[in-house]
C-alpha atoms as a PDB file:
ATOM      1  CA  MET A   1     -39.525  48.860  -8.636  1.00  0.00           C
ATOM      2  CA  MET A   2     -37.308  51.469  -7.420  1.00  0.00           C
ATOM      3  CA  GLN A   3     -38.286  53.135 -10.647  1.00  0.00           C
ATOM      4  CA  ASP A   4     -41.851  53.091  -9.941  1.00  0.00           C
ATOM      5  CA  SER A   5     -41.364  54.164  -6.651  1.00  0.00           C
ATOM      6  CA  LEU A   6     -39.177  57.657  -8.213  1.00  0.00           C
ATOM      7  CA  ARG A   7     -41.995  58.235 -10.985  1.00  0.00           C
ATOM      8  CA  THR A   8     -45.054  57.927  -8.437  1.00  0.00           C
ATOM      9  CA  ILE A   9     -43.431  60.862  -6.321  1.00  0.00           C
ATOM     10  CA  LEU A  10     -42.324  62.951  -8.694  1.00  0.00           C
ATOM     11  CA  ARG A  11     -46.134  62.572  -9.854  1.00  0.00           C
ATOM     12  CA  ALA A  12     -47.339  63.622  -6.653  1.00  0.00           C
ATOM     13  CA  VAL A  13     -44.769  66.539  -6.255  1.00  0.00           C
ATOM     14  CA  ARG A  14     -46.057  67.721 -10.149  1.00  0.00           C
ATOM     15  CA  ASP A  15     -49.693  67.141  -8.926  1.00  0.00           C
ATOM     16  CA  GLY A  16     -49.706  69.474  -5.870  1.00  0.00           C
ATOM     17  CA  HIS A  17     -50.193  66.323  -3.934  1.00  0.00           C
ATOM     18  CA  LEU A  18     -46.603  66.206  -2.168  1.00  0.00           C
ATOM     19  CA  ALA A  19     -44.545  69.165  -0.632  1.00  0.00           C
ATOM     20  CA  VAL A  20     -40.920  69.101  -1.725  1.00  0.00           C
ATOM     21  CA  GLU A  21     -39.391  68.557   1.555  1.00  0.00           C
ATOM     22  CA  ASP A  22     -41.746  65.529   1.855  1.00  0.00           C
ATOM     23  CA  ALA A  23     -40.583  64.596  -1.194  1.00  0.00           C
ATOM     24  CA  HIS A  24     -36.982  65.146  -0.476  1.00  0.00           C
ATOM     25  CA  ARG A  25     -37.190  62.231   2.453  1.00  0.00           C
ATOM     26  CA  GLU A  26     -39.037  59.921   0.236  1.00  0.00           C
ATOM     27  CA  LEU A  27     -36.195  59.979  -1.833  1.00  0.00           C
ATOM     28  CA  GLN A  28     -33.968  59.494   0.656  1.00  0.00           C
ATOM     29  CA  ALA A  29     -35.904  56.372   1.249  1.00  0.00           C
ATOM     30  CA  VAL A  30     -35.077  54.886  -2.429  1.00  0.00           C
ATOM     31  CA  SER A  31     -31.977  55.605  -2.762  1.00  0.00           C
ATOM     32  CA  PRO A  32     -29.527  54.000  -4.848  1.00  0.00           C
ATOM     33  CA  LEU A  33     -27.105  52.765  -2.510  1.00  0.00           C
ATOM     34  CA  GLU A  34     -27.522  51.803   1.038  1.00  0.00           C
ATOM     35  CA  THR A  35     -24.435  51.533   3.124  1.00  0.00           C
ATOM     36  CA  LEU A  36     -24.406  48.470   5.889  1.00  0.00           C
ATOM     37  CA  PRO A  37     -21.182  48.157   8.258  1.00  0.00           C
ATOM     38  CA  PHE A  38     -20.185  45.144   6.024  1.00  0.00           C
ATOM     39  CA  ALA A  39     -21.593  46.209   2.544  1.00  0.00           C
ATOM     40  CA  THR A  40     -22.545  49.017  -0.063  1.00  0.00           C
ATOM     41  CA  ILE A  41     -25.995  47.802  -1.898  1.00  0.00           C
ATOM     42  CA  ASP A  42     -26.190  48.785  -4.964  1.00  0.00           C
ATOM     43  CA  HIS A  43     -30.167  48.997  -5.407  1.00  0.00           C
ATOM     44  CA  HIS A  44     -29.868  51.016  -8.935  1.00  0.00           C
ATOM     45  CA  ARG A  45     -28.484  47.793 -10.604  1.00  0.00           C
ATOM     46  CA  ALA A  46     -31.624  46.907 -12.034  1.00  0.00           C
ATOM     47  CA  SER A  47     -32.432  50.470 -13.472  1.00  0.00           C
ATOM     48  CA  ARG A  48     -28.797  50.264 -15.390  1.00  0.00           C
ATOM     49  CA  THR A  49     -28.501  46.578 -16.620  1.00  0.00           C
ATOM     50  CA  GLY A  50     -31.797  44.976 -16.037  1.00  0.00           C
ATOM     51  CA  PHE A  51     -30.938  43.195 -13.076  1.00  0.00           C
ATOM     52  CA  PRO A  52     -30.764  43.705  -9.674  1.00  0.00           C
ATOM     53  CA  GLU A  53     -27.102  42.903  -8.087  1.00  0.00           C
ATOM     54  CA  ALA A  54     -26.674  39.608  -7.035  1.00  0.00           C
ATOM     55  CA  ILE A  55     -25.280  38.523  -3.755  1.00  0.00           C
ATOM     56  CA  PHE A  56     -21.907  36.270  -4.072  1.00  0.00           C
ATOM     57  CA  CYS A  57     -21.997  34.636  -0.285  1.00  0.00           C
ATOM     58  CA  SER A  58     -18.726  32.843  -0.639  1.00  0.00           C
ATOM     59  CA  GLY A  59     -16.503  34.616   2.467  1.00  0.00           C
ATOM     60  CA  LYS A  60     -19.890  36.050   3.950  1.00  0.00           C
ATOM     61  CA  THR A  61     -21.268  34.846   7.095  1.00  0.00           C
ATOM     62  CA  ALA A  62     -24.721  33.805   7.194  1.00  0.00           C
ATOM     63  CA  ILE A  63     -25.735  36.588   9.215  1.00  0.00           C
ATOM     64  CA  GLN A  64     -24.385  39.413   6.535  1.00  0.00           C
ATOM     65  CA  VAL A  65     -26.057  37.373   4.042  1.00  0.00           C
ATOM     66  CA  GLY A  66     -29.252  37.228   5.601  1.00  0.00           C
ATOM     67  CA  GLU A  67     -29.258  41.082   6.283  1.00  0.00           C
ATOM     68  CA  ILE A  68     -28.279  41.889   2.348  1.00  0.00           C
ATOM     69  CA  ALA A  69     -30.998  39.818   1.324  1.00  0.00           C
ATOM     70  CA  ALA A  70     -33.505  41.108   3.201  1.00  0.00           C
ATOM     71  CA  ARG A  71     -32.651  44.678   2.006  1.00  0.00           C
ATOM     72  CA  MET A  72     -32.225  44.073  -1.536  1.00  0.00           C
ATOM     73  CA  TRP A  73     -35.911  41.909  -1.538  1.00  0.00           C
ATOM     74  CA  GLU A  74     -37.670  44.564  -0.176  1.00  0.00           C
ATOM     75  CA  ARG A  75     -36.432  47.023  -2.959  1.00  0.00           C
ATOM     76  CA  SER A  76     -36.437  44.992  -5.782  1.00  0.00           C
ATOM     77  CA  GLY A  77     -38.595  41.945  -5.417  1.00  0.00           C
ATOM     78  CA  ARG A  78     -36.122  39.680  -7.005  1.00  0.00           C
ATOM     79  CA  LEU A  79     -32.938  38.059  -5.521  1.00  0.00           C
ATOM     80  CA  LEU A  80     -30.152  35.555  -6.445  1.00  0.00           C
ATOM     81  CA  ALA A  81     -27.166  34.540  -4.331  1.00  0.00           C
ATOM     82  CA  THR A  82     -24.439  32.381  -5.890  1.00  0.00           C
ATOM     83  CA  ARG A  83     -21.926  29.908  -4.105  1.00  0.00           C
ATOM     84  CA  ALA A  84     -24.463  29.451  -1.036  1.00  0.00           C
ATOM     85  CA  ASP A  85     -24.131  26.639   1.380  1.00  0.00           C
ATOM     86  CA  ASP A  86     -26.457  25.143   3.383  1.00  0.00           C
ATOM     87  CA  GLU A  87     -26.113  28.040   6.444  1.00  0.00           C
ATOM     88  CA  HIS A  88     -26.452  30.539   3.828  1.00  0.00           C
ATOM     89  CA  ALA A  89     -29.924  29.155   2.323  1.00  0.00           C
ATOM     90  CA  VAL A  90     -31.186  29.455   5.887  1.00  0.00           C
ATOM     91  CA  ALA A  91     -30.564  32.764   6.777  1.00  0.00           C
ATOM     92  CA  ILE A  92     -31.890  33.853   3.211  1.00  0.00           C
ATOM     93  CA  ARG A  93     -35.114  31.496   3.362  1.00  0.00           C
ATOM     94  CA  ALA A  94     -35.665  33.232   7.090  1.00  0.00           C
ATOM     95  CA  VAL A  95     -35.896  36.897   5.718  1.00  0.00           C
ATOM     96  CA  VAL A  96     -37.325  35.514   2.292  1.00  0.00           C
ATOM     97  CA  PRO A  97     -39.549  32.574   2.637  1.00  0.00           C
ATOM     98  CA  SER A  98     -40.403  32.005  -1.066  1.00  0.00           C
ATOM     99  CA  ALA A  99     -36.910  31.684  -1.819  1.00  0.00           C
ATOM    100  CA  ARG A 100     -35.771  28.299  -3.507  1.00  0.00           C
ATOM    101  CA  HIS A 101     -32.463  26.839  -2.683  1.00  0.00           C
ATOM    102  CA  ASN A 102     -30.696  25.116  -5.491  1.00  0.00           C
ATOM    103  CA  PRO A 103     -27.539  23.034  -3.373  1.00  0.00           C
ATOM    104  CA  LEU A 104     -26.429  21.545  -6.733  1.00  0.00           C
ATOM    105  CA  ALA A 105     -26.001  25.161  -8.000  1.00  0.00           C
ATOM    106  CA  ARG A 106     -25.377  26.802  -4.978  1.00  0.00           C
ATOM    107  CA  THR A 107     -27.915  29.434  -5.609  1.00  0.00           C
ATOM    108  CA  VAL A 108     -30.512  30.714  -3.520  1.00  0.00           C
ATOM    109  CA  SER A 109     -33.311  32.717  -6.090  1.00  0.00           C
ATOM    110  CA  ALA A 110     -36.934  34.459  -5.488  1.00  0.00           C
ATOM    111  CA  GLY A 111     -39.103  36.597  -7.691  1.00  0.00           C
ATOM    112  CA  ALA A 112     -38.272  34.937 -10.880  1.00  0.00           C
ATOM    113  CA  PRO A 113     -40.405  36.349 -13.337  1.00  0.00           C
ATOM    114  CA  THR A 114     -42.350  34.509 -16.001  1.00  0.00           C
ATOM    115  CA  PRO A 115     -40.174  32.910 -18.846  1.00  0.00           C
ATOM    116  CA  ALA A 116     -40.198  35.654 -22.015  1.00  0.00           C
ATOM    117  CA  ALA A 117     -41.291  34.137 -25.360  1.00  0.00           C
ATOM    118  CA  GLY A 118     -39.059  32.962 -27.485  1.00  0.00           C
ATOM    119  CA  ARG A 119     -35.881  31.202 -28.461  1.00  0.00           C
ATOM    120  CA  SER A 120     -34.312  29.473 -25.173  1.00  0.00           C
ATOM    121  CA  VAL A 121     -30.673  29.674 -24.073  1.00  0.00           C
ATOM    122  CA  VAL A 122     -29.608  26.027 -23.949  1.00  0.00           C
ATOM    123  CA  VAL A 123     -27.001  25.299 -21.593  1.00  0.00           C
ATOM    124  CA  MET A 124     -25.134  21.838 -22.589  1.00  0.00           C
ATOM    125  CA  THR A 125     -22.408  20.074 -20.358  1.00  0.00           C
ATOM    126  CA  ALA A 126     -19.730  17.848 -21.272  1.00  0.00           C
ATOM    127  CA  GLY A 127     -20.164  15.799 -18.315  1.00  0.00           C
ATOM    128  CA  THR A 128     -22.298  15.292 -15.264  1.00  0.00           C
ATOM    129  CA  SER A 129     -19.165  16.479 -13.325  1.00  0.00           C
ATOM    130  CA  ASP A 130     -19.574  20.031 -15.026  1.00  0.00           C
ATOM    131  CA  LEU A 131     -23.499  20.228 -13.872  1.00  0.00           C
ATOM    132  CA  PRO A 132     -22.691  22.355 -10.562  1.00  0.00           C
ATOM    133  CA  VAL A 133     -21.086  25.036 -13.107  1.00  0.00           C
ATOM    134  CA  ALA A 134     -24.177  24.649 -15.789  1.00  0.00           C
ATOM    135  CA  GLU A 135     -27.074  25.032 -12.884  1.00  0.00           C
ATOM    136  CA  GLU A 136     -25.631  27.914 -11.856  1.00  0.00           C
ATOM    137  CA  ALA A 137     -26.021  29.296 -15.349  1.00  0.00           C
ATOM    138  CA  ILE A 138     -29.591  27.917 -15.422  1.00  0.00           C
ATOM    139  CA  GLU A 139     -30.557  29.559 -12.298  1.00  0.00           C
ATOM    140  CA  THR A 140     -28.903  32.647 -13.696  1.00  0.00           C
ATOM    141  CA  VAL A 141     -30.831  32.650 -16.843  1.00  0.00           C
ATOM    142  CA  ARG A 142     -33.968  31.638 -15.299  1.00  0.00           C
ATOM    143  CA  MET A 143     -33.771  34.782 -12.947  1.00  0.00           C
ATOM    144  CA  HIS A 144     -33.427  36.747 -15.707  1.00  0.00           C
ATOM    145  CA  GLY A 145     -36.645  35.739 -17.245  1.00  0.00           C
ATOM    146  CA  GLU A 146     -35.274  34.348 -20.181  1.00  0.00           C
ATOM    147  CA  PRO A 147     -36.518  30.385 -21.287  1.00  0.00           C
ATOM    148  CA  VAL A 148     -33.839  27.996 -20.633  1.00  0.00           C
ATOM    149  CA  VAL A 149     -33.395  24.507 -21.584  1.00  0.00           C
ATOM    150  CA  ARG A 150     -30.704  21.764 -19.901  1.00  0.00           C
ATOM    151  CA  VAL A 151     -28.510  19.213 -22.052  1.00  0.00           C
ATOM    152  CA  ALA A 152     -26.370  16.974 -20.029  1.00  0.00           C
ATOM    153  CA  ASP A 153     -23.553  14.921 -20.402  1.00  0.00           C
ATOM    154  CA  VAL A 154     -22.933  15.285 -24.311  1.00  0.00           C
ATOM    155  CA  GLY A 155     -19.323  15.358 -24.570  1.00  0.00           C
ATOM    156  CA  VAL A 156     -16.761  14.933 -27.347  1.00  0.00           C
ATOM    157  CA  ALA A 157     -15.810  11.407 -26.124  1.00  0.00           C
ATOM    158  CA  GLY A 158     -19.030  10.304 -27.412  1.00  0.00           C
ATOM    159  CA  ILE A 159     -19.983  12.482 -30.121  1.00  0.00           C
ATOM    160  CA  HIS A 160     -22.900  10.847 -31.003  1.00  0.00           C
ATOM    161  CA  ARG A 161     -24.227  12.301 -28.203  1.00  0.00           C
ATOM    162  CA  THR A 162     -23.642  15.879 -28.952  1.00  0.00           C
ATOM    163  CA  LEU A 163     -24.955  15.225 -32.857  1.00  0.00           C
ATOM    164  CA  ALA A 164     -28.292  13.921 -31.009  1.00  0.00           C
ATOM    165  CA  HIS A 165     -29.052  17.275 -30.174  1.00  0.00           C
ATOM    166  CA  GLN A 166     -28.298  18.928 -33.826  1.00  0.00           C
ATOM    167  CA  GLU A 167     -32.092  20.467 -33.683  1.00  0.00           C
ATOM    168  CA  THR A 168     -31.979  21.721 -30.053  1.00  0.00           C
ATOM    169  CA  MET A 169     -28.545  23.656 -30.932  1.00  0.00           C
ATOM    170  CA  THR A 170     -29.577  25.121 -34.265  1.00  0.00           C
ATOM    171  CA  ASP A 171     -33.130  26.653 -32.599  1.00  0.00           C
ATOM    172  CA  ALA A 172     -30.859  28.134 -29.441  1.00  0.00           C
ATOM    173  CA  GLY A 173     -31.251  31.955 -28.912  1.00  0.00           C
ATOM    174  CA  VAL A 174     -27.475  31.257 -27.149  1.00  0.00           C
ATOM    175  CA  VAL A 175     -25.656  28.154 -26.456  1.00  0.00           C
ATOM    176  CA  VAL A 176     -23.663  27.982 -23.086  1.00  0.00           C
ATOM    177  CA  VAL A 177     -21.064  25.423 -23.436  1.00  0.00           C
ATOM    178  CA  VAL A 178     -19.639  23.967 -20.167  1.00  0.00           C
ATOM    179  CA  ALA A 179     -16.965  21.387 -20.201  1.00  0.00           C
ATOM    180  CA  GLY A 180     -13.761  20.364 -18.258  1.00  0.00           C
ATOM    181  CA  MET A 181     -11.124  18.019 -18.866  1.00  0.00           C
ATOM    182  CA  GLU A 182      -9.589  19.655 -22.273  1.00  0.00           C
ATOM    183  CA  GLY A 183     -12.506  21.962 -23.219  1.00  0.00           C
ATOM    184  CA  ALA A 184     -13.386  20.457 -26.569  1.00  0.00           C
ATOM    185  CA  LEU A 185     -16.824  20.570 -26.855  1.00  0.00           C
ATOM    186  CA  PRO A 186     -17.213  24.401 -27.328  1.00  0.00           C
ATOM    187  CA  SER A 187     -15.214  24.149 -30.611  1.00  0.00           C
ATOM    188  CA  VAL A 188     -17.532  21.236 -31.608  1.00  0.00           C
ATOM    189  CA  VAL A 189     -20.860  23.290 -30.541  1.00  0.00           C
ATOM    190  CA  GLY A 190     -19.402  26.612 -32.387  1.00  0.00           C
ATOM    191  CA  GLY A 191     -19.425  24.354 -35.979  1.00  0.00           C
ATOM    192  CA  LEU A 192     -22.768  23.373 -35.523  1.00  0.00           C
ATOM    193  CA  THR A 193     -24.793  26.081 -34.827  1.00  0.00           C
ATOM    194  CA  PRO A 194     -25.600  29.318 -36.010  1.00  0.00           C
ATOM    195  CA  ALA A 195     -26.502  30.878 -32.135  1.00  0.00           C
ATOM    196  CA  PRO A 196     -23.471  32.595 -30.152  1.00  0.00           C
ATOM    197  CA  VAL A 197     -21.702  30.147 -28.101  1.00  0.00           C
ATOM    198  CA  ILE A 198     -20.328  30.763 -24.495  1.00  0.00           C
ATOM    199  CA  ALA A 199     -17.632  28.840 -23.339  1.00  0.00           C
ATOM    200  CA  VAL A 200     -17.491  27.874 -19.779  1.00  0.00           C
ATOM    201  CA  PRO A 201     -14.269  26.072 -18.344  1.00  0.00           C
ATOM    202  CA  THR A 202     -14.651  23.783 -15.189  1.00  0.00           C
ATOM    203  CA  SER A 203     -12.235  22.733 -12.993  1.00  0.00           C
ATOM    204  CA  VAL A 204     -13.196  18.970 -13.339  1.00  0.00           C
ATOM    205  CA  GLY A 205     -10.205  16.845 -14.569  1.00  0.00           C
ATOM    206  CA  TYR A 206      -7.123  15.010 -13.857  1.00  0.00           C
ATOM    207  CA  GLY A 207      -3.891  16.501 -12.597  1.00  0.00           C
ATOM    208  CA  ALA A 208      -2.753  18.086 -16.070  1.00  0.00           C
ATOM    209  CA  SER A 209      -6.127  19.978 -16.369  1.00  0.00           C
ATOM    210  CA  PHE A 210      -4.591  22.105 -13.575  1.00  0.00           C
ATOM    211  CA  ASP A 211      -8.338  22.722 -12.027  1.00  0.00           C
ATOM    212  CA  GLY A 212      -9.736  23.803 -15.453  1.00  0.00           C
ATOM    213  CA  LEU A 213      -6.904  25.961 -16.599  1.00  0.00           C
ATOM    214  CA  THR A 214      -6.482  23.582 -19.763  1.00  0.00           C
ATOM    215  CA  ALA A 215     -10.050  24.147 -20.743  1.00  0.00           C
ATOM    216  CA  LEU A 216      -9.434  27.292 -20.324  1.00  0.00           C
ATOM    217  CA  LEU A 217      -6.826  27.673 -22.618  1.00  0.00           C
ATOM    218  CA  GLY A 218      -7.726  25.262 -25.006  1.00  0.00           C
ATOM    219  CA  MET A 219     -11.070  27.388 -25.486  1.00  0.00           C
ATOM    220  CA  LEU A 220      -9.562  30.568 -25.661  1.00  0.00           C
ATOM    221  CA  ASN A 221      -7.458  28.614 -28.692  1.00  0.00           C
ATOM    222  CA  SER A 222     -11.199  27.348 -29.793  1.00  0.00           C
ATOM    223  CA  CYS A 223     -10.799  27.122 -33.838  1.00  0.00           C
ATOM    224  CA  ALA A 224     -14.505  27.652 -34.224  1.00  0.00           C
ATOM    225  CA  PRO A 225     -15.445  31.020 -34.941  1.00  0.00           C
ATOM    226  CA  GLY A 226     -17.834  32.856 -32.761  1.00  0.00           C
ATOM    227  CA  VAL A 227     -16.782  31.332 -29.314  1.00  0.00           C
ATOM    228  CA  THR A 228     -16.124  33.461 -26.301  1.00  0.00           C
ATOM    229  CA  VAL A 229     -15.128  32.534 -22.797  1.00  0.00           C
ATOM    230  CA  VAL A 230     -16.071  33.518 -19.349  1.00  0.00           C
ATOM    231  CA  ASN A 231     -13.635  32.235 -16.296  1.00  0.00           C
ATOM    232  CA  ILE A 232     -13.004  28.918 -15.026  1.00  0.00           C
ATOM    233  CA  ASP A 233     -16.707  27.749 -13.209  1.00  0.00           C
ATOM    234  CA  ASN A 234     -18.045  30.953 -14.189  1.00  0.00           C
ATOM    235  CA  GLY A 235     -21.714  29.964 -14.333  1.00  0.00           C
ATOM    236  CA  PHE A 236     -23.110  33.353 -13.178  1.00  0.00           C
ATOM    237  CA  GLY A 237     -21.055  35.629 -15.786  1.00  0.00           C
ATOM    238  CA  ALA A 238     -22.248  33.030 -18.627  1.00  0.00           C
ATOM    239  CA  GLY A 239     -25.953  32.747 -17.799  1.00  0.00           C
ATOM    240  CA  VAL A 240     -26.035  36.791 -17.525  1.00  0.00           C
ATOM    241  CA  ALA A 241     -24.113  37.200 -20.697  1.00  0.00           C
ATOM    242  CA  ALA A 242     -26.405  34.559 -22.572  1.00  0.00           C
ATOM    243  CA  ALA A 243     -29.558  36.105 -20.917  1.00  0.00           C
ATOM    244  CA  ARG A 244     -28.897  39.587 -21.997  1.00  0.00           C
ATOM    245  CA  ILE A 245     -28.040  38.360 -25.800  1.00  0.00           C
ATOM    246  CA  ASN A 246     -31.110  36.562 -25.895  1.00  0.00           C
ATOM    247  CA  ALA A 247     -33.469  39.106 -24.778  1.00  0.00           C
ATOM    248  CA  LEU A 248     -31.896  41.654 -27.455  1.00  0.00           C
ATOM    249  CA  ARG A 249     -32.174  39.034 -29.797  1.00  0.00           C
ATOM    250  CA  ARG A 250     -35.626  38.635 -28.945  1.00  0.00           C
ATOM    251  CA  SER A 251     -36.465  42.363 -29.038  1.00  0.00           C
ATOM    252  CA  GLY A 252     -35.500  42.907 -32.422  1.00  0.00           C
ATOM    253  CA  VAL A 253     -32.087  43.193 -32.659  1.00  0.00           C
ATOM    254  CA  ASP A 254     -32.524  39.470 -34.254  1.00  0.00           C
ATOM    255  CA  SER A 255     -34.468  39.810 -37.358  1.00  0.00           C
ATOM    256  CA  GLY A 256     -34.927  35.792 -37.721  1.00  0.00           C
ATOM    257  CA  SER A 257     -38.301  34.162 -36.541  1.00  0.00           C
ATOM    258  CA  ALA A 258     -37.362  33.555 -33.150  1.00  0.00           C
ATOM    259  CA  GLY A 259     -39.690  31.471 -31.238  1.00  0.00           C
ATOM    260  CA  ASP A 260     -40.562  29.237 -34.231  1.00  0.00           C
ATOM    261  CA  SER A 261     -39.351  26.059 -32.397  1.00  0.00           C
ATOM    262  CA  ILE A 262     -39.092  26.163 -28.588  1.00  0.00           C
ATOM    263  CA  VAL A 263     -38.001  23.064 -26.707  1.00  0.00           C
ATOM    264  CA  GLU A 264     -39.349  22.983 -23.250  1.00  0.00           C
ATOM    265  CA  GLY A 265     -36.890  23.314 -20.582  1.00  0.00           C
ATOM    266  CA  GLU A 266     -36.752  21.883 -16.971  1.00  0.00           C
ATOM    267  CA  ASP A 267     -35.906  22.583 -13.449  1.00  0.00           C
ATOM    268  CA  ALA A 268     -33.472  21.513 -10.829  1.00  0.00           C
ATOM    269  CA  CYS A 269     -34.529  22.450  -7.266  1.00  0.00           C
ATOM    270  CA  ALA A 270     -34.756  21.422  -3.900  1.00  0.00           C
END
């Protein structure tokens, strides 16, 4: 949206329809940075990386989140807020009525593009308790315009559950594997799919899981080559990485027959 505004202003100057002084005033209105008393909003993020800055709601008041959301929505037409509680969601929906609140993912989003054609990002969880982190990844991928498929509760304690989704893993563009406890599932998946595997350790587990540290170390020490790891409970980071990789593969970096086999995903929202 910002790029369109800049091009319009520059064309108007070129064609003699806009004076330089007037163009300067309009360019100030589309400045890449907007400073509030409590935040500096990076409106140029989408131009550099392909996606607007996300709002990390934890530690912010509902009033702060609502004001940031209003400014970002006005400039980009897309919005993703993570770690949002009910008060944050109410504040955002007050300024962006079309926003979707996914309480399980703790996200609020608006302006999701239509999913692109091609291979999907597959998000797998070892257990149902890992779903909040997985849902954050799913919402993030969805907001990037990439197709996404959810496969839940297929941990290694019942390996047949994992193997039942062999075709889905084989057809995936990227696989995000979310697991707590000992964090073993990414190694298994890494040996079953040709797709890049992004492992997400969660803080799910009993005492010796050390709030996800055991899963993190297990994933970092994976014996399956090609498994990369993000931080504990970082579904957002995994989702961004997966969406970017999938978009690059679809754009021609991957010479394979992307899109030959597509599995339809599902949405979870409130």
